[in-house]
Structure formats: C-alpha cells, structure tokens
Protein backbone atom coordinates (compact mmCIF):
# COMPACT_ATOMS: atom_id res chain seq x y z
CA MET A 1 0.00 0.00 0.00
CA PRO A 2 1.55 3.32 -1.03
CA ARG A 3 2.28 5.81 1.72
CA LEU A 4 3.21 8.83 -0.37
CA PHE A 5 -0.35 9.16 -1.64
CA LYS A 6 -0.49 12.03 -4.14
CA LEU A 7 -3.26 14.55 -4.77
CA CYS A 8 -3.73 16.01 -8.25
CA TYR A 9 -6.07 18.93 -8.91
CA VAL A 10 -7.27 19.07 -12.52
CA THR A 11 -8.61 22.54 -13.31
CA GLU A 12 -11.81 23.48 -15.09
CA ARG A 13 -12.48 27.18 -14.74
CA GLN A 14 -15.90 26.92 -16.42
CA GLY A 15 -17.15 25.30 -13.25
CA LEU A 16 -16.06 28.33 -11.23
CA GLU A 17 -17.13 31.94 -10.92
CA ASP A 18 -15.51 34.23 -13.48
CA GLY A 19 -11.94 35.05 -12.56
CA ALA A 20 -11.81 32.60 -9.65
CA LEU A 21 -9.23 30.16 -11.03
CA PRO A 22 -6.02 32.13 -10.32
CA GLY A 23 -6.99 32.49 -6.67
CA LEU A 24 -7.88 28.82 -6.43
CA LEU A 25 -4.51 27.86 -7.90
CA ARG A 26 -2.81 29.87 -5.18
CA GLU A 27 -4.99 28.24 -2.55
CA ALA A 28 -4.11 24.80 -3.91
CA ILE A 29 -0.39 25.60 -3.77
CA ASP A 30 -0.71 27.02 -0.26
CA ALA A 31 -2.52 23.81 0.74
CA ARG A 32 0.52 21.84 -0.53
CA ILE A 33 -1.37 19.87 -3.11
CA ASP A 34 1.09 17.64 -4.96
CA MET A 35 0.22 18.40 -8.57
CA ILE A 36 -1.93 20.85 -10.49
CA GLN A 37 -2.87 19.97 -14.06
CA ILE A 38 -4.00 23.13 -15.83
CA ARG A 39 -6.63 21.81 -18.23
CA GLU A 40 -8.15 24.84 -19.94
CA ARG A 41 -8.59 23.60 -23.49
CA ASP A 42 -10.60 26.54 -24.78
CA LEU A 43 -8.19 29.27 -23.69
CA GLY A 44 -6.22 31.05 -26.39
CA SER A 45 -2.45 30.73 -26.30
CA ARG A 46 -1.81 34.17 -24.77
CA GLU A 47 -4.36 33.69 -22.01
CA LEU A 48 -3.13 30.18 -21.27
CA VAL A 49 0.50 31.26 -21.14
CA SER A 50 -0.38 34.06 -18.73
CA LEU A 51 -2.32 31.72 -16.45
CA VAL A 52 0.37 29.04 -16.47
CA LYS A 53 3.22 31.52 -15.93
CA ASP A 54 1.46 32.94 -12.86
CA ALA A 55 0.91 29.44 -11.45
CA VAL A 56 4.54 28.45 -12.05
CA SER A 57 5.75 31.68 -10.48
CA TYR A 58 3.61 31.28 -7.39
CA GLY A 59 4.53 27.61 -7.03
CA ARG A 60 8.26 28.19 -7.37
CA GLY A 61 10.07 26.96 -4.27
CA THR A 62 7.14 24.81 -3.16
CA ALA A 63 6.56 21.08 -3.53
CA THR A 64 3.59 21.55 -5.86
CA LEU A 65 4.21 20.50 -9.46
CA ILE A 66 2.49 22.45 -12.23
CA THR A 67 1.66 20.69 -15.49
CA VAL A 68 -0.35 21.83 -18.48
CA ASN A 69 -2.76 19.78 -20.52
CA ASP A 70 -1.79 18.91 -24.11
CA ARG A 71 0.26 22.04 -24.92
CA LEU A 72 3.89 20.97 -24.98
CA ASP A 73 4.85 24.38 -26.38
CA VAL A 74 3.26 26.19 -23.46
CA ALA A 75 4.74 23.74 -20.96
CA LEU A 76 8.27 24.20 -22.27
CA GLY A 77 7.86 27.95 -22.74
CA THR A 78 6.62 28.61 -19.21
CA GLY A 79 8.83 26.18 -17.33
CA THR A 80 6.19 23.81 -15.99
CA ALA A 81 7.20 20.51 -14.43
CA GLY A 82 5.65 18.67 -17.35
CA VAL A 83 2.79 18.12 -19.75
CA HIS A 84 -0.30 15.92 -19.56
CA LEU A 85 -1.39 14.13 -22.72
CA GLY A 86 -4.85 13.00 -23.79
CA GLY A 87 -6.11 10.80 -26.58
CA HIS A 88 -5.69 13.50 -29.22
CA SER A 89 -2.38 14.88 -27.98
CA LEU A 90 1.09 14.24 -29.30
CA PRO A 91 2.20 10.65 -28.65
CA ALA A 92 4.07 10.27 -25.37
CA ALA A 93 7.10 8.81 -27.16
CA CYS A 94 7.39 11.92 -29.34
CA VAL A 95 7.24 14.19 -26.31
CA ARG A 96 9.78 12.11 -24.44
CA ALA A 97 12.16 12.32 -27.41
CA VAL A 98 12.34 16.13 -27.25
CA ALA A 99 11.63 16.86 -23.59
CA PRO A 100 14.46 17.89 -21.28
CA THR A 101 15.72 15.64 -18.52
CA GLY A 102 13.34 15.54 -15.58
CA PHE A 103 10.36 16.77 -17.58
CA LEU A 104 7.20 14.92 -16.53
CA VAL A 105 4.99 13.24 -19.11
CA GLY A 106 1.56 12.16 -17.91
CA VAL A 107 -1.05 10.32 -19.97
CA SER A 108 -4.82 9.90 -19.59
CA CYS A 109 -5.80 6.23 -19.82
CA HIS A 110 -9.11 4.38 -19.96
CA SER A 111 -7.98 0.76 -19.95
CA ILE A 112 -5.15 -1.48 -18.79
CA GLU A 113 -3.90 -1.60 -22.37
CA ASP A 114 -3.70 2.20 -22.41
CA VAL A 115 -1.67 2.13 -19.20
CA LEU A 116 0.81 -0.42 -20.55
CA ARG A 117 1.21 1.51 -23.82
CA ALA A 118 1.81 4.73 -21.92
CA GLU A 119 4.50 3.07 -19.82
CA MET A 120 6.21 1.66 -22.92
CA ALA A 121 6.14 5.11 -24.52
CA GLY A 122 7.98 6.68 -21.60
CA ALA A 123 5.17 8.16 -19.50
CA ASP A 124 6.08 9.03 -15.92
CA TYR A 125 2.54 8.52 -14.59
CA VAL A 126 -1.01 7.96 -15.80
CA LEU A 127 -4.47 9.14 -14.83
CA LEU A 128 -6.81 6.16 -15.10
CA GLY A 129 -10.53 6.66 -15.26
CA PRO A 130 -13.31 6.93 -14.82
CA VAL A 131 -12.95 4.64 -11.83
CA PHE A 132 -16.39 5.60 -10.50
CA GLU A 133 -19.43 6.96 -12.29
CA THR A 134 -19.25 10.68 -12.96
CA PRO A 135 -21.22 12.92 -15.36
CA SER A 136 -18.12 14.44 -16.95
CA LYS A 137 -16.80 11.02 -18.03
CA LEU A 138 -19.96 9.38 -19.40
CA VAL A 139 -18.49 9.62 -22.90
CA TYR A 140 -15.99 6.92 -21.88
CA GLY A 141 -18.75 4.45 -21.00
CA ARG A 142 -19.24 2.49 -17.80
CA PRO A 143 -16.89 3.18 -14.88
CA LEU A 144 -13.81 0.97 -14.77
CA GLY A 145 -14.18 0.03 -11.13
CA LEU A 146 -11.71 -0.70 -8.36
CA SER A 147 -10.79 -4.18 -9.60
CA LEU A 148 -9.46 -2.83 -12.89
CA LEU A 149 -7.67 -0.02 -11.04
CA SER A 150 -6.00 -2.62 -8.84
CA GLU A 151 -4.97 -4.75 -11.81
CA ALA A 152 -3.58 -1.74 -13.68
CA ALA A 153 -1.57 -0.61 -10.66
CA SER A 154 -0.13 -4.11 -10.21
CA ARG A 155 0.92 -4.46 -13.85
CA THR A 156 2.86 -1.23 -14.25
CA THR A 157 5.86 0.28 -12.53
CA ILE A 158 4.73 3.89 -13.01
CA PRO A 159 2.29 5.67 -10.67
CA VAL A 160 -1.42 5.28 -11.45
CA TYR A 161 -3.73 8.07 -10.29
CA ALA A 162 -7.43 7.24 -9.91
CA LEU A 163 -9.70 9.70 -11.72
CA GLY A 164 -13.44 10.04 -12.08
CA GLY A 165 -16.05 10.19 -9.34
CA VAL A 166 -13.47 10.12 -6.56
CA THR A 167 -14.78 11.54 -3.28
CA VAL A 168 -13.30 11.89 0.18
CA ASP A 169 -15.04 8.67 1.21
CA ARG A 170 -13.75 6.82 -1.86
CA ALA A 171 -10.14 7.97 -1.58
CA MET A 172 -9.26 5.14 0.80
CA GLN A 173 -10.74 2.60 -1.62
CA CYS A 174 -8.40 3.88 -4.33
CA LEU A 175 -5.45 3.75 -1.94
CA GLU A 176 -6.25 0.18 -0.95
CA ALA A 177 -6.60 -0.79 -4.63
CA GLY A 178 -3.01 0.28 -5.22
CA ALA A 179 -3.41 3.76 -6.70
CA ALA A 180 -0.45 6.06 -6.14
CA GLY A 181 -2.81 9.00 -5.88
CA ILE A 182 -6.15 10.50 -6.84
CA ALA A 183 -7.02 13.21 -9.33
CA GLY A 184 -10.15 15.25 -9.68
CA ILE A 185 -11.89 18.43 -10.70
CA ARG A 186 -14.98 18.75 -8.52
CA LEU A 187 -13.18 17.02 -5.65
CA PHE A 188 -11.06 20.15 -5.27
CA GLN A 189 -13.23 22.86 -6.84
CA ASP A 190 -16.53 22.18 -5.09
CA PRO A 191 -15.63 22.53 -1.38
CA ALA A 192 -15.86 25.93 0.28
CA SER A 193 -12.28 25.48 1.49
CA LEU A 194 -9.77 23.65 -0.66
CA ARG A 195 -7.32 23.68 2.24
CA THR A 196 -9.86 21.82 4.40
CA ARG A 197 -10.50 19.30 1.63
CA VAL A 198 -6.79 18.56 1.25
CA ALA A 199 -6.49 18.15 5.03
CA GLN A 200 -9.41 15.68 4.99
CA LEU A 201 -7.74 13.60 2.30
CA ARG A 202 -4.36 13.66 4.03
CA ALA A 203 -6.01 12.54 7.27
CA GLN A 204 -7.52 9.54 5.47
CA VAL A 205 -4.08 8.36 4.45
CA ALA A 206 -2.48 9.15 7.79
CA SER A 207 -5.04 6.93 9.50
CA THR A 208 -3.58 3.88 7.72
CA GLU A 209 -0.18 4.44 9.30
CA ARG A 210 -1.30 4.41 12.92
C-alpha cells in the first residue's frame, strides 16, 4: 500500500465563478497539493501562457508541481514541471524524445492496455478513469471500477492516479486498490475550502499508518 499518496487537482475554470481560477490555484499551492494539471482547453495561447506563468511563479520553491494539458509548447515555454497528454495529444514517445531531462509526461488512460502503452512510450505517470461513475466522463462508457484499477496498478511500474467520481469517502478505496494518488476536478473545486478538503484527504491516508 503506497504511503506517499499524491493529490492532483485538474482545473476546469468553467465550473467556477468568473476570474476565480487564479486564486484557487494559489490556494491549492498554499494547501501543498502535490500536482496541479492546468486543463483549460478553450483558452487562447496568450491567455493560457499568462495563467500558467502565474501558477509556475507562485509555485516556485514549493513542492507543488504544475503541469499543463496537451500544450507541450506552453509547458516548455513557461517552465512547468511537465505536460499531460490525452487521446488526441502528441504521442508520449514523441514528447519524451524532445523533452528535457526531468520533464514529466503524464497520460490519460481508460484501460489497462492504455496504461501499458503509456508506460512503454515513456510516460512518468497515468491518470486512469473513470474509476467511479461521474457525469463528466460518461463519454468513456461504464466506470472501470476498483478491480481494474487494482490490476492496472499491479501491472505497471509507473504511478497510477485514480480519476473520475473520486470523493473523500472513496479515496481510501483507491489507496487500498493500489493507486499512487487521486485526481479530480470537482473534488477540489466544489468545497468551500480547498485547504480543508486537502487536510481531509491527508487525514484519510495518515489513518492507515497508525
């Protein structure tokens, strides 16, 4: 059972009040969340660069890693820790071939086969989902479930983050299934206090070490 259980906040500003995302990014960094994946697909390049640069600047010197969805050019140009790739992104192997040493490459996966391909292509970690039912992931069909999450985690050497329908109550189930961490949008954007939510999740993991 992993002890360094990671928390990944995936952004979606359209689910927030106008202009709220920059402040929430700062709150997430202050709360010592492990990774922030800036996933704002509809933003123009200038707006995205500005948002990512501010996040990188605020996170500098902290343990929080900033990644950007899909846009390798923006990731390299703003000095993020890495890039996260989806089904229509550049292949992970192509990114790995040009990325600098230490640059993180994450991949979204929806099956064990996806996970194994991502590992072979040089991915550093994967987000696997949807593990549980969630409205935003209905396009990917039925939820994968904890058994598949457990099998995926056991068959790869890279970290597998559980994504999709993860709640505070379900975080322990993902941990026990072998996930190296959890990722979510609403999990971190919905609570009145993101700091409190992170503390709740950390407490869940700490309880397994007593």
